[in-house]
N, C-alpha and C. Protein backbone atom coordinates (compact mmCIF):
# COMPACT_ATOMS: atom_id res chain seq x y z
N MET A 1 180.09 66.56 170.53
CA MET A 1 179.58 66.32 169.18
C MET A 1 180.70 66.61 168.17
N PRO A 2 180.84 65.78 167.12
CA PRO A 2 181.90 65.99 166.12
C PRO A 2 181.73 67.31 165.36
N GLU A 3 182.84 67.84 164.88
CA GLU A 3 182.86 69.13 164.20
C GLU A 3 183.31 68.96 162.75
N CYS A 4 182.61 69.61 161.83
CA CYS A 4 182.95 69.60 160.42
C CYS A 4 184.30 70.30 160.22
N GLU A 5 185.19 69.68 159.48
CA GLU A 5 186.51 70.27 159.22
C GLU A 5 186.45 71.38 158.17
N ILE A 6 185.33 71.50 157.47
CA ILE A 6 185.21 72.52 156.43
C ILE A 6 184.60 73.81 157.01
N CYS A 7 183.44 73.69 157.65
CA CYS A 7 182.75 74.89 158.15
C CYS A 7 182.90 75.10 159.65
N GLY A 8 183.34 74.08 160.38
CA GLY A 8 183.54 74.21 161.81
C GLY A 8 182.30 74.01 162.66
N GLU A 9 181.16 73.75 162.02
CA GLU A 9 179.91 73.53 162.75
C GLU A 9 179.86 72.11 163.31
N GLU A 10 179.17 71.98 164.45
CA GLU A 10 178.97 70.66 165.02
C GLU A 10 177.88 69.94 164.24
N SER A 11 178.04 68.63 164.08
CA SER A 11 177.08 67.84 163.31
C SER A 11 176.97 66.45 163.91
N ASP A 12 175.77 65.89 163.85
CA ASP A 12 175.56 64.52 164.34
C ASP A 12 176.27 63.51 163.44
N LYS A 13 176.35 63.82 162.15
CA LYS A 13 176.91 62.88 161.19
C LYS A 13 177.95 63.58 160.32
N LEU A 14 179.13 63.00 160.24
CA LEU A 14 180.18 63.51 159.36
C LEU A 14 180.54 62.44 158.34
N ILE A 15 180.92 62.88 157.17
CA ILE A 15 181.33 61.99 156.09
C ILE A 15 182.81 62.22 155.86
N LYS A 16 183.56 61.14 155.66
CA LYS A 16 184.99 61.25 155.39
C LYS A 16 185.20 61.35 153.89
N CYS A 17 185.86 62.41 153.45
CA CYS A 17 186.13 62.62 152.03
C CYS A 17 187.07 61.53 151.51
N LYS A 18 186.68 60.89 150.40
CA LYS A 18 187.51 59.81 149.87
C LYS A 18 188.75 60.33 149.14
N SER A 19 188.81 61.63 148.89
CA SER A 19 189.99 62.19 148.23
C SER A 19 191.02 62.69 149.22
N CYS A 20 190.59 63.54 150.16
CA CYS A 20 191.55 64.17 151.07
C CYS A 20 191.45 63.69 152.51
N GLY A 21 190.37 62.98 152.84
CA GLY A 21 190.22 62.45 154.19
C GLY A 21 189.58 63.40 155.19
N ALA A 22 189.22 64.61 154.77
CA ALA A 22 188.57 65.56 155.68
C ALA A 22 187.20 65.04 156.07
N LYS A 23 186.81 65.30 157.30
CA LYS A 23 185.48 64.92 157.77
C LYS A 23 184.58 66.14 157.64
N PHE A 24 183.50 65.99 156.85
CA PHE A 24 182.63 67.13 156.55
C PHE A 24 181.17 66.80 156.80
N CYS A 25 180.36 67.85 157.02
CA CYS A 25 178.92 67.68 157.24
C CYS A 25 178.20 67.63 155.88
N GLU A 26 176.90 67.34 155.93
CA GLU A 26 176.12 67.22 154.71
C GLU A 26 176.07 68.50 153.89
N ASP A 27 176.28 69.65 154.54
CA ASP A 27 176.22 70.94 153.84
C ASP A 27 177.53 71.29 153.13
N CYS A 28 178.60 70.58 153.45
CA CYS A 28 179.93 70.97 152.94
C CYS A 28 180.51 69.98 151.93
N GLY A 29 179.65 69.25 151.26
CA GLY A 29 180.14 68.34 150.25
C GLY A 29 179.06 67.41 149.76
N SER A 30 179.44 66.44 148.97
CA SER A 30 178.51 65.48 148.40
C SER A 30 178.53 64.19 149.23
N VAL A 31 177.39 63.90 149.85
CA VAL A 31 177.27 62.69 150.64
C VAL A 31 177.33 61.47 149.72
N ILE A 32 176.73 61.58 148.55
CA ILE A 32 176.68 60.46 147.61
C ILE A 32 178.08 60.14 147.07
N GLU A 33 178.80 61.16 146.63
CA GLU A 33 180.15 60.96 146.08
C GLU A 33 181.22 60.84 147.15
N LYS A 34 180.87 61.22 148.38
CA LYS A 34 181.80 61.22 149.51
C LYS A 34 183.03 62.08 149.22
N ARG A 35 182.74 63.29 148.75
CA ARG A 35 183.80 64.27 148.48
C ARG A 35 183.42 65.60 149.13
N CYS A 36 184.40 66.22 149.81
CA CYS A 36 184.16 67.54 150.37
C CYS A 36 184.02 68.54 149.23
N GLU A 37 183.52 69.73 149.54
CA GLU A 37 183.28 70.71 148.47
C GLU A 37 184.56 71.11 147.75
N PHE A 38 185.69 71.09 148.44
CA PHE A 38 186.95 71.48 147.79
C PHE A 38 187.40 70.42 146.79
N CYS A 39 187.32 69.16 147.16
CA CYS A 39 187.72 68.08 146.25
C CYS A 39 186.74 67.94 145.09
N ALA A 40 185.46 68.18 145.36
CA ALA A 40 184.46 68.13 144.28
C ALA A 40 184.75 69.23 143.25
N GLU A 41 185.13 70.43 143.71
CA GLU A 41 185.47 71.52 142.79
C GLU A 41 186.72 71.18 141.98
N GLU A 42 187.71 70.57 142.62
CA GLU A 42 188.94 70.19 141.91
C GLU A 42 188.64 69.18 140.82
N GLU A 43 187.74 68.23 141.10
CA GLU A 43 187.39 67.22 140.12
C GLU A 43 186.73 67.86 138.91
N ILE A 44 185.86 68.83 139.14
CA ILE A 44 185.20 69.54 138.03
C ILE A 44 186.25 70.27 137.20
N ASP A 45 187.18 70.95 137.85
CA ASP A 45 188.24 71.66 137.15
C ASP A 45 189.09 70.70 136.33
N ASP A 46 189.43 69.55 136.89
CA ASP A 46 190.22 68.55 136.17
C ASP A 46 189.49 68.05 134.94
N ASP A 47 188.17 67.82 135.07
CA ASP A 47 187.37 67.37 133.93
C ASP A 47 187.36 68.41 132.82
N LEU A 48 187.26 69.69 133.19
CA LEU A 48 187.27 70.75 132.19
C LEU A 48 188.60 70.80 131.45
N VAL A 49 189.69 70.65 132.17
CA VAL A 49 191.01 70.67 131.56
C VAL A 49 191.16 69.50 130.60
N GLU A 50 190.70 68.31 131.00
CA GLU A 50 190.78 67.15 130.12
C GLU A 50 189.97 67.38 128.84
N ASP A 51 188.76 67.94 128.99
CA ASP A 51 187.94 68.22 127.81
C ASP A 51 188.62 69.22 126.89
N LEU A 52 189.22 70.27 127.46
CA LEU A 52 189.93 71.25 126.66
C LEU A 52 191.12 70.63 125.95
N ASP A 53 191.87 69.78 126.66
CA ASP A 53 193.01 69.11 126.06
C ASP A 53 192.58 68.26 124.87
N GLU A 54 191.48 67.52 125.02
CA GLU A 54 190.99 66.68 123.94
C GLU A 54 190.58 67.52 122.74
N ASP A 55 189.92 68.66 123.00
CA ASP A 55 189.52 69.55 121.91
C ASP A 55 190.74 70.10 121.18
N LEU A 56 191.78 70.46 121.93
CA LEU A 56 192.99 70.99 121.31
C LEU A 56 193.69 69.92 120.47
N ILE A 57 193.74 68.70 120.97
CA ILE A 57 194.38 67.61 120.24
C ILE A 57 193.61 67.34 118.95
N GLU A 58 192.28 67.31 119.03
CA GLU A 58 191.47 67.09 117.84
C GLU A 58 191.68 68.21 116.83
N GLY A 59 191.81 69.45 117.31
CA GLY A 59 192.03 70.57 116.41
C GLY A 59 193.36 70.46 115.70
N VAL A 60 194.40 70.01 116.38
CA VAL A 60 195.71 69.84 115.78
C VAL A 60 195.67 68.73 114.74
N GLU A 61 194.99 67.63 115.05
CA GLU A 61 194.90 66.52 114.11
C GLU A 61 194.17 66.95 112.83
N LYS A 62 193.12 67.77 112.98
CA LYS A 62 192.38 68.22 111.80
C LYS A 62 193.24 69.15 110.96
N ASP A 63 194.07 69.99 111.61
CA ASP A 63 194.93 70.92 110.89
C ASP A 63 196.01 70.16 110.10
N GLU A 64 196.45 69.02 110.61
CA GLU A 64 197.51 68.25 109.96
C GLU A 64 197.02 67.54 108.71
N GLU A 65 195.70 67.31 108.63
CA GLU A 65 195.15 66.59 107.47
C GLU A 65 195.10 67.44 106.30
């Protein structure tokens, strides 16, 4: 039986992460997004950084006016 690359448990069905290629079980990532839990966390962190960057840029533009 195939083994999850994240938790090491055997599983009937594994999903291949579209970001890193790791094969993970349903408990170790998003089946819908096809991302393992590590790549899903990185995406959330990247989104937060982008939002912060936009807020900082807007703040600088307002200060210049």
